[in-house]
Amino acid sequence: MKIAVAMSGGVDSSAAAVILLKEGHEVIGVTMRHYNYADCGFSKDEGIEADIKDAAKVCEKLGILHHVIDTSKEFKKIIEDNFITEYSKGRTPNPCTLCNPTIKWGVFLREILKFGVEKIATGHYVKLIEEDKAFHIYKASDENKDQSYMLWRLNQRQLSKTLFPLADYSKSDARKIAKIMNLPVHDKGESQEICFIKGHYEDYLKKYLELKPGNITLPNGNIIGRHRGLPLYTIGQRKGINTPWKCPLYVMKLDIEKNELMVTENPDDLLADVFFLEDVNWISGEKSEDVSGISIRIRYNSNPAPIKNIREKGKLLLIELENSTRAITAGQSGVLYKDNQLLGGGVILYNKGK
């Protein structure tokens, strides 16, 4: 096949390109310029511009063509603006889970297909299996690197055009492949958590939001300090509250209307077993009717929490857990699994105390 590898400039996508070439495919490399480096605080020699140069070097080493597609206009409108809006509402967004279906497998994929390729391949650690006339996503063999959580919004059309060559590889395998091929990125470090922000996200938000200080309160209403602006806090946060107290404090609620930050001494105050998901997507296109064995991850690095029941409430899903879990956070992704299979997910619609 003629395959376009989405080259991020890192070791994973580079190894994916090598694997496909060794399988005999016709491969081209395509890199997405998804943000303007200057607008996001980077110099022309770091961030996305450095990644583009690294991807070009890898493609040159492999003897394949390299193209750059600019999606920065769409990325700013869809991803960055959503990031800012969500924080202004007291929610904690996960920009990667929105970028994947709208930009990477949206605008970017649409432009890539104009090169006449049959498939797009990425360096994600995840398995894609076609069965029962549908595409299904499973966790990667290396669960420590599994990235299925980030892909819960993808649809059948997008998956039909996709390959994940690293499904059965580990990170160390990818580095070995890149080193054997003498690729310049074989020892390149991991990418940063939020690709379009240099440094702390606080500096980014300060450019777009008016951060209004307000009271920090306990659940009983007592005022114990002042916060620096609600967008700078998230549910469950312990560090960075910067209010002297006799014991650790945990962020419990962001009250946008009162501009108050509620904190608690007791981490059990953060426990809950019922919450809603909005913007729900099922990978197969159909809701799973049998909830037995289904679990949910409420953040990227959380352990799966077993589900007792799932009920539809209009366009929302009401999730009832077998046991309470801590720090369910509005704006984060709630991602549904059955064993190793990714079923889908939604955006958590929840704020402690409401």
Protein backbone atom coordinates (compact mmCIF):
# COMPACT_ATOMS: atom_id res chain seq x y z
CA MET A 1 0.00 0.00 0.00
CA LYS A 2 0.89 3.64 -0.26
CA ILE A 3 0.89 4.87 3.31
CA ALA A 4 1.44 8.28 4.85
CA VAL A 5 3.06 8.23 8.27
CA ALA A 6 2.13 11.14 10.51
CA MET A 7 5.68 12.13 11.45
CA SER A 8 5.79 14.02 14.75
CA GLY A 9 9.54 14.32 14.79
CA GLY A 10 9.75 11.78 17.62
CA VAL A 11 11.04 8.24 17.91
CA ASP A 12 7.64 6.52 17.82
CA SER A 13 6.43 7.73 14.44
CA SER A 14 9.94 7.31 13.06
CA ALA A 15 9.97 3.66 14.14
CA ALA A 16 6.50 3.22 12.63
CA ALA A 17 7.84 4.43 9.28
CA VAL A 18 10.73 1.96 9.45
CA ILE A 19 8.39 -0.95 10.22
CA LEU A 20 6.16 -0.12 7.25
CA LEU A 21 9.11 0.26 4.90
CA LYS A 22 10.46 -3.14 5.96
CA GLU A 23 7.02 -4.61 5.21
CA GLY A 24 7.41 -3.37 1.66
CA HIS A 25 4.94 -0.49 1.61
CA GLU A 26 5.40 2.77 -0.26
CA VAL A 27 5.80 5.31 2.52
CA ILE A 28 5.74 9.09 2.69
CA GLY A 29 6.15 11.24 5.77
CA VAL A 30 3.75 14.06 6.61
CA THR A 31 4.09 16.45 9.53
CA MET A 32 1.39 18.70 10.92
CA ARG A 33 2.24 22.30 11.80
CA HIS A 34 -0.65 22.64 14.20
CA TYR A 35 0.25 25.81 16.04
CA ASN A 36 2.17 29.01 15.47
CA TYR A 37 5.38 28.73 17.47
CA ALA A 38 5.63 32.47 18.20
CA ASP A 39 2.03 32.76 19.43
CA CYS A 40 2.67 29.93 21.88
CA GLY A 41 5.91 31.33 23.30
CA PHE A 42 8.43 29.17 21.40
CA SER A 43 11.41 30.29 19.34
CA LYS A 44 11.82 29.16 15.73
CA ASP A 45 14.28 26.51 16.91
CA GLU A 46 12.03 24.72 19.41
CA GLY A 47 8.53 23.34 19.74
CA ILE A 48 6.75 22.45 16.53
CA GLU A 49 9.42 23.98 14.27
CA ALA A 50 12.12 21.80 15.82
CA ASP A 51 9.86 18.76 15.45
CA ILE A 52 9.29 19.51 11.77
CA LYS A 53 13.05 19.71 11.20
CA ASP A 54 13.59 16.40 13.03
CA ALA A 55 10.88 14.71 10.97
CA ALA A 56 12.47 16.00 7.77
CA LYS A 57 15.87 14.61 8.83
CA VAL A 58 14.34 11.20 9.55
CA CYS A 59 12.59 11.12 6.17
CA GLU A 60 15.80 12.10 4.42
CA LYS A 61 17.65 9.30 6.23
CA LEU A 62 14.95 6.80 5.22
CA GLY A 63 14.86 8.06 1.64
CA ILE A 64 11.19 9.00 1.68
CA LEU A 65 9.38 12.19 0.75
CA HIS A 66 8.43 14.59 3.52
CA HIS A 67 5.52 17.04 3.44
CA VAL A 68 4.28 19.64 5.92
CA ILE A 69 0.59 20.48 6.27
CA ASP A 70 -0.37 23.65 8.12
CA THR A 71 -3.44 23.18 10.33
CA SER A 72 -2.64 26.04 12.74
CA LYS A 73 -5.70 28.09 11.81
CA GLU A 74 -8.10 25.24 12.55
CA PHE A 75 -6.11 24.19 15.63
CA LYS A 76 -6.36 27.69 17.10
CA LYS A 77 -10.11 27.87 16.48
CA ILE A 78 -11.00 24.38 17.68
CA ILE A 79 -8.39 23.32 20.24
CA GLU A 80 -6.82 26.42 21.74
CA ASP A 81 -10.08 28.36 21.96
CA ASN A 82 -11.78 25.37 23.59
CA PHE A 83 -8.90 25.05 26.04
CA ILE A 84 -9.31 28.68 27.10
CA THR A 85 -13.11 28.51 27.25
CA GLU A 86 -13.14 25.34 29.34
CA TYR A 87 -10.77 26.78 31.93
CA SER A 88 -12.85 29.96 32.09
CA LYS A 89 -15.83 27.77 33.09
CA GLY A 90 -13.96 26.04 35.90
CA ARG A 91 -13.43 22.84 33.91
CA THR A 92 -10.17 20.98 33.21
CA PRO A 93 -9.99 20.08 29.51
CA ASN A 94 -8.00 17.35 27.80
CA PRO A 95 -6.97 18.94 24.49
CA CYS A 96 -5.45 15.76 22.99
CA THR A 97 -8.75 13.89 23.02
CA LEU A 98 -10.38 16.74 21.09
CA CYS A 99 -7.46 17.25 18.71
CA ASN A 100 -7.39 13.63 17.58
CA PRO A 101 -10.84 13.49 15.89
CA THR A 102 -11.00 17.11 14.72
CA ILE A 103 -7.44 17.96 13.68
CA LYS A 104 -5.25 14.84 13.36
CA TRP A 105 -7.95 12.57 11.99
CA GLY A 106 -9.98 15.54 10.73
CA VAL A 107 -8.32 18.39 8.86
CA PHE A 108 -4.91 16.70 8.71
CA LEU A 109 -6.24 13.35 7.45
CA ARG A 110 -8.37 15.07 4.82
CA GLU A 111 -5.31 16.85 3.43
CA ILE A 112 -3.14 13.73 3.63
CA LEU A 113 -5.58 11.72 1.51
CA LYS A 114 -5.01 14.21 -1.31
CA PHE A 115 -1.56 12.61 -1.74
CA GLY A 116 -3.28 9.49 -3.02
CA VAL A 117 -2.45 7.30 -0.04
CA GLU A 118 -4.62 4.41 1.13
CA LYS A 119 -3.90 4.69 4.83
CA ILE A 120 -2.45 6.97 7.47
CA ALA A 121 -0.15 5.48 10.12
CA THR A 122 0.78 6.98 13.48
CA GLY A 123 3.17 6.18 16.29
CA HIS A 124 0.43 5.54 18.84
CA TYR A 125 0.75 2.45 21.03
CA VAL A 126 -2.66 0.91 20.43
CA LYS A 127 -4.19 -2.04 18.57
CA LEU A 128 -6.76 -1.77 15.79
CA ILE A 129 -8.66 -4.91 14.83
CA GLU A 130 -11.35 -5.31 12.20
CA GLU A 131 -14.01 -7.81 13.26
CA ASP A 132 -17.76 -8.19 12.72
CA LYS A 133 -17.55 -5.66 9.88
CA ALA A 134 -16.35 -2.93 12.24
CA PHE A 135 -13.05 -1.52 13.51
CA HIS A 136 -12.28 -1.92 17.21
CA ILE A 137 -9.55 -0.41 19.35
CA TYR A 138 -7.70 -2.45 21.97
CA LYS A 139 -4.96 -1.59 24.42
CA ALA A 140 -1.40 -1.99 23.16
CA SER A 141 0.70 -4.98 24.14
CA ASP A 142 2.83 -2.65 26.27
CA GLU A 143 0.17 -1.36 28.69
CA ASN A 144 2.67 1.06 30.23
CA LYS A 145 2.68 2.94 26.91
CA ASP A 146 -0.92 2.27 25.88
CA GLN A 147 -2.52 5.41 24.38
CA SER A 148 -6.02 4.13 23.67
CA TYR A 149 -7.45 6.59 26.23
CA MET A 150 -6.66 9.46 23.88
CA LEU A 151 -8.53 7.93 20.93
CA TRP A 152 -12.05 7.44 22.34
CA ARG A 153 -13.54 10.07 20.01
CA LEU A 154 -12.52 8.44 16.73
CA ASN A 155 -15.19 7.07 14.40
CA GLN A 156 -15.42 4.14 12.01
CA ARG A 157 -14.59 6.18 8.90
CA GLN A 158 -11.42 7.55 10.49
CA LEU A 159 -10.34 4.15 11.77
CA SER A 160 -10.89 2.56 8.37
CA LYS A 161 -8.07 4.77 7.07
CA THR A 162 -5.68 4.10 9.96
CA LEU A 163 -2.78 1.82 10.86
CA PHE A 164 -0.97 1.55 14.21
CA PRO A 165 2.34 -0.23 13.45
CA LEU A 166 3.54 -0.10 17.09
CA ALA A 167 0.61 -2.14 18.45
CA ASP A 168 2.85 -5.03 19.52
CA TYR A 169 6.00 -3.06 20.26
CA SER A 170 7.34 -1.42 23.41
CA LYS A 171 9.00 1.97 23.71
CA SER A 172 12.38 0.32 24.07
CA ASP A 173 11.67 -1.63 20.87
CA ALA A 174 10.95 1.64 19.06
CA ARG A 175 14.21 3.16 20.28
CA LYS A 176 16.15 0.05 19.19
CA ILE A 177 14.61 0.23 15.72
CA ALA A 178 15.51 3.91 15.41
CA LYS A 179 19.03 3.32 16.68
CA ILE A 180 19.68 0.41 14.33
CA MET A 181 18.63 2.66 11.45
CA ASN A 182 20.86 5.41 12.86
CA LEU A 183 17.96 7.85 12.95
CA PRO A 184 18.81 11.21 14.57
CA VAL A 185 15.83 10.99 16.98
CA HIS A 186 16.61 7.55 18.50
CA ASP A 187 17.39 9.12 21.89
CA LYS A 188 14.99 12.06 21.72
CA GLY A 189 13.01 12.65 24.92
CA GLU A 190 9.25 12.32 25.38
CA SER A 191 7.02 15.08 24.08
CA GLN A 192 5.56 17.53 26.59
CA GLU A 193 2.07 17.07 27.99
CA ILE A 194 0.42 20.04 26.26
CA CYS A 195 2.20 20.48 22.95
CA PHE A 196 1.21 24.10 22.27
CA ILE A 197 2.22 25.49 25.67
CA LYS A 198 5.77 26.29 26.68
CA GLY A 199 6.28 26.11 30.40
CA HIS A 200 3.32 26.26 32.79
CA TYR A 201 -0.20 26.59 31.41
CA GLU A 202 -0.76 29.51 33.81
CA ASP A 203 1.43 31.76 31.64
CA TYR A 204 -0.61 30.76 28.58
CA LEU A 205 -3.97 31.42 30.23
CA LYS A 206 -2.85 34.81 31.53
CA LYS A 207 -2.63 36.01 27.92
CA TYR A 208 -6.29 35.27 27.27
CA LEU A 209 -8.15 35.27 30.59
CA GLU A 210 -8.56 37.81 33.35
CA LEU A 211 -7.55 35.84 36.43
CA LYS A 212 -9.56 37.31 39.29
CA PRO A 213 -8.37 36.55 42.85
CA GLY A 214 -11.06 35.40 45.27
CA ASN A 215 -11.71 33.67 48.56
CA ILE A 216 -10.59 30.19 49.49
CA THR A 217 -13.22 28.61 51.73
CA LEU A 218 -13.78 25.44 53.70
CA PRO A 219 -17.01 23.45 53.22
CA ASN A 220 -18.47 25.20 56.30
CA GLY A 221 -18.02 28.58 54.60
CA ASN A 222 -15.05 29.79 56.63
CA ILE A 223 -12.62 31.89 54.58
CA ILE A 224 -9.00 30.78 55.00
CA GLY A 225 -7.16 32.50 52.18
CA ARG A 226 -7.16 33.94 48.68
CA HIS A 227 -6.79 32.15 45.36
CA ARG A 228 -4.99 33.53 42.28
CA GLY A 229 -7.82 32.88 39.80
CA LEU A 230 -10.07 29.82 39.49
CA PRO A 231 -8.72 28.66 36.08
CA LEU A 232 -5.43 27.86 37.83
CA TYR A 233 -6.95 25.08 39.95
CA THR A 234 -8.46 21.67 39.35
CA ILE A 235 -10.50 19.22 41.42
CA GLY A 236 -8.34 17.08 43.70
CA GLN A 237 -5.32 19.40 43.50
CA ARG A 238 -3.21 19.40 46.65
CA LYS A 239 -0.05 21.28 45.76
CA GLY A 240 0.01 24.94 44.76
CA ILE A 241 -2.92 26.12 46.87
CA ASN A 242 -0.42 28.26 48.81
CA THR A 243 -2.55 28.77 51.92
CA PRO A 244 -0.82 27.98 55.22
CA TRP A 245 -2.83 25.38 57.10
CA LYS A 246 -2.47 22.75 59.80
CA CYS A 247 -2.80 19.86 57.31
CA PRO A 248 -2.86 19.27 53.54
CA LEU A 249 -5.78 20.83 51.66
CA TYR A 250 -7.50 19.49 48.56
CA VAL A 251 -9.46 21.44 45.95
CA MET A 252 -13.08 20.34 46.24
CA LYS A 253 -15.11 22.79 44.15
CA LEU A 254 -14.67 25.77 41.81
CA ASP A 255 -17.62 28.12 42.27
CA ILE A 256 -17.54 30.34 39.18
CA GLU A 257 -20.56 32.44 40.18
CA LYS A 258 -19.07 33.39 43.57
CA ASN A 259 -15.45 33.22 42.36
CA GLU A 260 -14.67 31.01 45.34
CA LEU A 261 -12.34 28.06 45.66
CA MET A 262 -13.64 25.46 48.11
CA VAL A 263 -11.02 23.25 49.69
CA THR A 264 -11.22 20.43 52.21
CA GLU A 265 -8.98 18.83 54.81
CA ASN A 266 -10.55 15.44 54.17
CA PRO A 267 -9.68 13.75 50.83
CA ASP A 268 -12.76 11.53 51.28
CA ASP A 269 -14.86 14.63 50.55
CA LEU A 270 -13.71 14.16 46.95
CA LEU A 271 -15.29 10.71 46.66
CA ALA A 272 -18.29 10.15 44.40
CA ASP A 273 -19.92 7.21 42.64
CA VAL A 274 -22.31 8.93 40.21
CA PHE A 275 -21.59 11.41 37.40
CA PHE A 276 -22.60 12.28 33.85
CA LEU A 277 -20.79 12.07 30.52
CA GLU A 278 -21.58 14.43 27.64
CA ASP A 279 -20.43 14.40 23.98
CA VAL A 280 -20.55 10.60 24.13
CA ASN A 281 -18.95 8.51 21.39
CA TRP A 282 -19.06 4.74 20.92
CA ILE A 283 -16.19 3.42 18.80
CA SER A 284 -18.40 0.83 17.07
CA GLY A 285 -21.13 3.40 16.49
CA GLU A 286 -23.52 1.59 18.82
CA LYS A 287 -23.98 1.73 22.59
CA SER A 288 -22.88 -1.33 24.52
CA GLU A 289 -26.08 -2.74 26.05
CA ASP A 290 -24.33 -5.19 28.38
CA VAL A 291 -22.59 -3.26 31.17
CA SER A 292 -21.10 -6.33 32.85
CA GLY A 293 -17.33 -6.12 32.97
CA ILE A 294 -17.25 -2.47 31.82
CA SER A 295 -14.91 -0.06 33.60
CA ILE A 296 -14.12 3.63 33.21
CA ARG A 297 -10.94 5.67 33.48
CA ILE A 298 -11.62 9.22 34.66
CA ARG A 299 -8.18 10.51 33.72
CA TYR A 300 -5.27 9.34 31.59
CA ASN A 301 -3.23 7.83 34.41
CA SER A 302 -6.09 6.54 36.59
CA ASN A 303 -6.92 2.90 37.28
CA PRO A 304 -10.14 1.62 35.68
CA ALA A 305 -13.16 1.89 37.99
CA PRO A 306 -15.79 -0.88 37.61
CA ILE A 307 -19.22 0.33 36.51
CA LYS A 308 -22.45 -0.81 38.15
CA ASN A 309 -24.84 0.76 35.67
CA ILE A 310 -25.04 3.03 32.63
CA ARG A 311 -28.24 4.92 31.88
CA GLU A 312 -29.07 7.30 29.06
CA LYS A 313 -30.45 10.67 30.13
CA GLY A 314 -31.24 12.41 26.85
CA LYS A 315 -27.87 13.01 25.21
CA LEU A 316 -26.04 12.32 28.46
CA LEU A 317 -24.84 9.07 30.00
CA LEU A 318 -25.35 8.61 33.73
CA ILE A 319 -22.48 6.53 35.11
CA GLU A 320 -22.93 4.64 38.37
CA LEU A 321 -19.76 3.13 39.80
CA GLU A 322 -19.43 -0.03 41.87
CA ASN A 323 -17.32 1.93 44.35
CA SER A 324 -16.67 5.61 44.94
CA THR A 325 -13.64 7.14 43.27
CA ARG A 326 -11.78 10.33 44.03
CA ALA A 327 -11.57 13.66 42.19
CA ILE A 328 -13.99 13.19 39.29
CA THR A 329 -13.26 16.33 37.30
CA ALA A 330 -15.46 18.22 34.87
CA GLY A 331 -13.88 18.55 31.42
CA GLN A 332 -11.73 15.44 31.67
CA SER A 333 -12.46 12.37 29.57
CA GLY A 334 -14.32 9.41 31.03
CA VAL A 335 -13.20 6.49 28.87
CA LEU A 336 -15.02 3.15 28.81
CA TYR A 337 -13.33 -0.24 28.52
CA LYS A 338 -14.35 -3.88 28.54
CA ASP A 339 -11.24 -5.85 29.41
CA ASN A 340 -8.66 -4.54 26.90
CA GLN A 341 -11.17 -3.14 24.43
CA LEU A 342 -11.85 0.59 24.18
CA LEU A 343 -15.61 0.98 23.90
CA GLY A 344 -15.81 4.78 23.75
CA GLY A 345 -16.22 7.60 26.20
CA GLY A 346 -17.43 11.09 26.90
CA VAL A 347 -16.55 14.35 28.61
CA ILE A 348 -17.17 14.39 32.34
CA LEU A 349 -19.96 16.76 33.33
CA TYR A 350 -19.49 17.03 37.04
CA ASN A 351 -18.49 19.47 39.75
CA LYS A 352 -18.38 18.43 43.39
CA GLY A 353 -21.17 20.09 45.31
CA LYS A 354 -23.50 20.63 42.35
